[in-house]
Amino acid sequence: MALLTDEEVAQRLGESEWERDGDEIAREWKFDDFAAAMAFVNGVAERAEEANHHPDILLHGWNKVRLSLMTHSEGGLTENDFAMAARFDGLA
């Protein structure tokens, strides 16, 4: 899978809540409680396993989850990262 150019990344980010963070895209969610945050993380894990594309997951502050995506095998961002971001957006 080919790496996206800076312009392609900016275009795909558009109006989304994902932001570029170096060679990754990242987004943070805030939930009502720890259980809801964990349920979201479990949903992320299921979809990541199905696609064999795994984000970095940070659960912090008892109710916040930050996901970071990049295609490690390519060393940057690809279409696959944005496809996964859209799948994760549908969980919350």
N, C-alpha and C. Protein backbone atom coordinates (compact mmCIF):
# COMPACT_ATOMS: atom_id res chain seq x y z
N MET A 1 0.85 -1.18 0.00
CA MET A 1 0.00 0.00 0.00
C MET A 1 0.89 1.24 0.00
N ALA A 2 0.56 2.19 -0.81
CA ALA A 2 1.40 3.38 -0.98
C ALA A 2 1.17 4.40 0.13
N LEU A 3 2.24 5.06 0.52
CA LEU A 3 2.14 6.16 1.47
C LEU A 3 1.39 7.31 0.83
N LEU A 4 0.61 8.02 1.64
CA LEU A 4 -0.10 9.20 1.18
C LEU A 4 0.82 10.41 1.26
N THR A 5 0.65 11.34 0.35
CA THR A 5 1.41 12.59 0.41
C THR A 5 0.81 13.47 1.51
N ASP A 6 1.54 14.51 1.88
CA ASP A 6 1.03 15.45 2.88
C ASP A 6 -0.29 16.06 2.44
N GLU A 7 -0.41 16.37 1.18
CA GLU A 7 -1.63 16.95 0.65
C GLU A 7 -2.79 15.96 0.72
N GLU A 8 -2.53 14.71 0.40
CA GLU A 8 -3.57 13.68 0.47
C GLU A 8 -4.02 13.47 1.91
N VAL A 9 -3.08 13.49 2.85
CA VAL A 9 -3.44 13.35 4.27
C VAL A 9 -4.31 14.51 4.70
N ALA A 10 -3.92 15.73 4.36
CA ALA A 10 -4.69 16.91 4.74
C ALA A 10 -6.10 16.85 4.15
N GLN A 11 -6.21 16.40 2.92
CA GLN A 11 -7.51 16.28 2.27
C GLN A 11 -8.39 15.26 3.00
N ARG A 12 -7.83 14.13 3.37
CA ARG A 12 -8.60 13.08 4.03
C ARG A 12 -9.00 13.47 5.45
N LEU A 13 -8.18 14.27 6.09
CA LEU A 13 -8.53 14.74 7.44
C LEU A 13 -9.71 15.70 7.38
N GLY A 14 -9.71 16.57 6.36
CA GLY A 14 -10.83 17.47 6.13
C GLY A 14 -11.45 18.01 7.39
N GLU A 15 -12.74 17.75 7.56
CA GLU A 15 -13.49 18.22 8.71
C GLU A 15 -13.56 17.19 9.83
N SER A 16 -12.78 16.12 9.75
CA SER A 16 -12.86 15.07 10.76
C SER A 16 -12.27 15.53 12.09
N GLU A 17 -12.51 14.75 13.10
CA GLU A 17 -11.96 15.04 14.42
C GLU A 17 -10.57 14.43 14.61
N TRP A 18 -10.09 13.73 13.62
CA TRP A 18 -8.74 13.18 13.64
C TRP A 18 -7.77 14.30 13.30
N GLU A 19 -6.59 14.23 13.89
CA GLU A 19 -5.54 15.22 13.63
C GLU A 19 -4.25 14.50 13.28
N ARG A 20 -3.46 15.17 12.51
CA ARG A 20 -2.15 14.62 12.18
C ARG A 20 -1.21 14.85 13.36
N ASP A 21 -0.44 13.82 13.68
CA ASP A 21 0.55 13.89 14.75
C ASP A 21 1.81 13.21 14.22
N GLY A 22 2.63 13.97 13.52
CA GLY A 22 3.83 13.41 12.89
C GLY A 22 3.45 12.46 11.77
N ASP A 23 3.88 11.22 11.89
CA ASP A 23 3.58 10.20 10.89
C ASP A 23 2.30 9.43 11.19
N GLU A 24 1.51 9.92 12.14
CA GLU A 24 0.28 9.25 12.55
C GLU A 24 -0.91 10.20 12.43
N ILE A 25 -2.10 9.61 12.53
CA ILE A 25 -3.29 10.39 12.80
C ILE A 25 -3.78 9.95 14.17
N ALA A 26 -4.38 10.87 14.92
CA ALA A 26 -4.81 10.57 16.28
C ALA A 26 -6.12 11.27 16.58
N ARG A 27 -6.85 10.67 17.50
CA ARG A 27 -8.11 11.25 17.96
C ARG A 27 -8.32 10.83 19.41
N GLU A 28 -8.99 11.70 20.17
CA GLU A 28 -9.30 11.39 21.56
C GLU A 28 -10.81 11.48 21.78
N TRP A 29 -11.32 10.54 22.57
CA TRP A 29 -12.72 10.51 22.97
C TRP A 29 -12.80 10.64 24.48
N LYS A 30 -13.89 11.24 24.96
CA LYS A 30 -14.16 11.33 26.39
C LYS A 30 -15.51 10.67 26.65
N PHE A 31 -15.54 9.76 27.61
CA PHE A 31 -16.75 8.99 27.91
C PHE A 31 -17.29 9.36 29.29
N ASP A 32 -18.51 8.92 29.55
CA ASP A 32 -19.16 9.24 30.82
C ASP A 32 -18.49 8.55 32.00
N ASP A 33 -17.92 7.37 31.76
CA ASP A 33 -17.30 6.63 32.86
C ASP A 33 -16.27 5.63 32.32
N PHE A 34 -15.60 4.98 33.24
CA PHE A 34 -14.56 4.01 32.89
C PHE A 34 -15.13 2.84 32.10
N ALA A 35 -16.30 2.36 32.50
CA ALA A 35 -16.90 1.21 31.81
C ALA A 35 -17.18 1.53 30.34
N ALA A 36 -17.67 2.73 30.07
CA ALA A 36 -17.94 3.12 28.68
C ALA A 36 -16.65 3.24 27.88
N ALA A 37 -15.61 3.77 28.51
CA ALA A 37 -14.31 3.87 27.83
C ALA A 37 -13.78 2.48 27.50
N MET A 38 -13.91 1.55 28.44
CA MET A 38 -13.43 0.18 28.20
C MET A 38 -14.26 -0.52 27.13
N ALA A 39 -15.56 -0.29 27.12
CA ALA A 39 -16.40 -0.89 26.08
C ALA A 39 -15.96 -0.39 24.71
N PHE A 40 -15.64 0.88 24.60
CA PHE A 40 -15.15 1.43 23.34
C PHE A 40 -13.83 0.77 22.95
N VAL A 41 -12.91 0.65 23.90
CA VAL A 41 -11.62 0.01 23.62
C VAL A 41 -11.83 -1.42 23.15
N ASN A 42 -12.74 -2.15 23.76
CA ASN A 42 -13.01 -3.52 23.33
C ASN A 42 -13.57 -3.56 21.91
N GLY A 43 -14.41 -2.60 21.57
CA GLY A 43 -14.92 -2.51 20.20
C GLY A 43 -13.82 -2.21 19.20
N VAL A 44 -12.91 -1.32 19.59
CA VAL A 44 -11.75 -1.01 18.75
C VAL A 44 -10.92 -2.27 18.54
N ALA A 45 -10.69 -3.02 19.61
CA ALA A 45 -9.87 -4.24 19.51
C ALA A 45 -10.49 -5.25 18.55
N GLU A 46 -11.81 -5.42 18.62
CA GLU A 46 -12.49 -6.37 17.73
C GLU A 46 -12.31 -5.96 16.27
N ARG A 47 -12.53 -4.70 15.97
CA ARG A 47 -12.41 -4.24 14.59
C ARG A 47 -10.97 -4.27 14.10
N ALA A 48 -10.04 -3.96 14.98
CA ALA A 48 -8.63 -4.00 14.62
C ALA A 48 -8.19 -5.43 14.28
N GLU A 49 -8.66 -6.39 15.07
CA GLU A 49 -8.33 -7.79 14.80
C GLU A 49 -8.93 -8.24 13.47
N GLU A 50 -10.18 -7.86 13.23
CA GLU A 50 -10.83 -8.24 11.96
C GLU A 50 -10.04 -7.74 10.76
N ALA A 51 -9.50 -6.52 10.86
CA ALA A 51 -8.79 -5.89 9.75
C ALA A 51 -7.28 -6.14 9.79
N ASN A 52 -6.80 -6.74 10.88
CA ASN A 52 -5.36 -6.94 11.08
C ASN A 52 -4.61 -5.61 10.93
N HIS A 53 -5.19 -4.58 11.53
CA HIS A 53 -4.58 -3.24 11.53
C HIS A 53 -4.86 -2.63 12.89
N HIS A 54 -3.81 -2.51 13.70
CA HIS A 54 -3.97 -2.22 15.12
C HIS A 54 -3.48 -0.82 15.48
N PRO A 55 -4.34 -0.04 16.13
CA PRO A 55 -3.93 1.30 16.57
C PRO A 55 -3.16 1.22 17.88
N ASP A 56 -2.45 2.28 18.20
CA ASP A 56 -1.96 2.46 19.55
C ASP A 56 -3.14 2.98 20.35
N ILE A 57 -3.35 2.43 21.53
CA ILE A 57 -4.49 2.79 22.37
C ILE A 57 -3.97 3.30 23.71
N LEU A 58 -4.44 4.47 24.12
CA LEU A 58 -4.10 5.02 25.42
C LEU A 58 -5.40 5.29 26.16
N LEU A 59 -5.60 4.61 27.28
CA LEU A 59 -6.74 4.87 28.17
C LEU A 59 -6.19 5.66 29.33
N HIS A 60 -6.71 6.87 29.52
CA HIS A 60 -6.16 7.72 30.57
C HIS A 60 -7.25 8.56 31.21
N GLY A 61 -6.95 9.07 32.41
CA GLY A 61 -7.90 9.92 33.10
C GLY A 61 -9.22 9.21 33.40
N TRP A 62 -9.24 7.93 33.50
CA TRP A 62 -10.36 7.03 33.78
C TRP A 62 -11.48 7.03 32.76
N ASN A 63 -11.58 8.05 31.91
CA ASN A 63 -12.68 8.08 30.95
C ASN A 63 -12.29 8.60 29.58
N LYS A 64 -11.00 8.67 29.30
CA LYS A 64 -10.54 9.19 28.01
C LYS A 64 -9.76 8.11 27.27
N VAL A 65 -9.98 8.07 25.96
CA VAL A 65 -9.27 7.12 25.11
C VAL A 65 -8.68 7.88 23.93
N ARG A 66 -7.41 7.66 23.69
CA ARG A 66 -6.72 8.24 22.53
C ARG A 66 -6.27 7.10 21.63
N LEU A 67 -6.61 7.21 20.36
CA LEU A 67 -6.16 6.24 19.35
C LEU A 67 -5.21 6.93 18.40
N SER A 68 -4.15 6.22 18.03
CA SER A 68 -3.20 6.69 17.03
C SER A 68 -3.07 5.61 15.97
N LEU A 69 -3.06 6.02 14.72
CA LEU A 69 -2.97 5.09 13.60
C LEU A 69 -1.84 5.47 12.65
N MET A 70 -1.16 4.46 12.18
CA MET A 70 -0.22 4.57 11.07
C MET A 70 0.02 3.16 10.55
N THR A 71 0.47 3.05 9.34
CA THR A 71 0.80 1.74 8.77
C THR A 71 2.29 1.51 9.00
N HIS A 72 2.59 0.76 10.04
CA HIS A 72 3.98 0.56 10.45
C HIS A 72 4.83 -0.06 9.35
N SER A 73 4.24 -0.99 8.60
CA SER A 73 5.01 -1.66 7.55
C SER A 73 5.41 -0.70 6.44
N GLU A 74 4.67 0.41 6.29
CA GLU A 74 4.99 1.40 5.26
C GLU A 74 5.72 2.62 5.84
N GLY A 75 5.72 2.73 7.16
CA GLY A 75 6.42 3.84 7.80
C GLY A 75 5.68 5.17 7.74
N GLY A 76 4.36 5.11 7.63
CA GLY A 76 3.58 6.35 7.56
C GLY A 76 2.11 6.08 7.33
N LEU A 77 1.43 7.04 6.77
CA LEU A 77 -0.02 6.97 6.59
C LEU A 77 -0.40 6.46 5.21
N THR A 78 -1.38 5.56 5.21
CA THR A 78 -1.93 5.00 3.98
C THR A 78 -3.45 5.08 4.02
N GLU A 79 -4.09 4.71 2.93
CA GLU A 79 -5.56 4.66 2.88
C GLU A 79 -6.12 3.78 4.00
N ASN A 80 -5.41 2.73 4.33
CA ASN A 80 -5.86 1.80 5.35
C ASN A 80 -6.07 2.50 6.70
N ASP A 81 -5.22 3.46 7.02
CA ASP A 81 -5.36 4.18 8.28
C ASP A 81 -6.65 4.98 8.33
N PHE A 82 -7.00 5.60 7.23
CA PHE A 82 -8.22 6.39 7.18
C PHE A 82 -9.46 5.50 7.16
N ALA A 83 -9.36 4.34 6.54
CA ALA A 83 -10.46 3.38 6.57
C ALA A 83 -10.71 2.91 8.00
N MET A 84 -9.64 2.63 8.73
CA MET A 84 -9.79 2.20 10.13
C MET A 84 -10.32 3.34 10.99
N ALA A 85 -9.85 4.54 10.76
CA ALA A 85 -10.34 5.69 11.53
C ALA A 85 -11.85 5.81 11.37
N ALA A 86 -12.36 5.63 10.16
CA ALA A 86 -13.80 5.71 9.93
C ALA A 86 -14.54 4.61 10.67
N ARG A 87 -13.95 3.43 10.72
CA ARG A 87 -14.59 2.32 11.46
C ARG A 87 -14.65 2.63 12.94
N PHE A 88 -13.58 3.22 13.47
CA PHE A 88 -13.57 3.55 14.90
C PHE A 88 -14.53 4.70 15.20
N ASP A 89 -14.67 5.64 14.28
CA ASP A 89 -15.61 6.75 14.47
C ASP A 89 -17.03 6.22 14.66
N GLY A 90 -17.35 5.13 14.01
CA GLY A 90 -18.69 4.57 14.10
C GLY A 90 -19.00 3.89 15.42
N LEU A 91 -18.01 3.74 16.27
CA LEU A 91 -18.20 3.05 17.55
C LEU A 91 -18.72 3.95 18.65
N ALA A 92 -18.37 5.21 18.59
CA ALA A 92 -18.68 6.10 19.73
C ALA A 92 -19.98 6.86 19.50
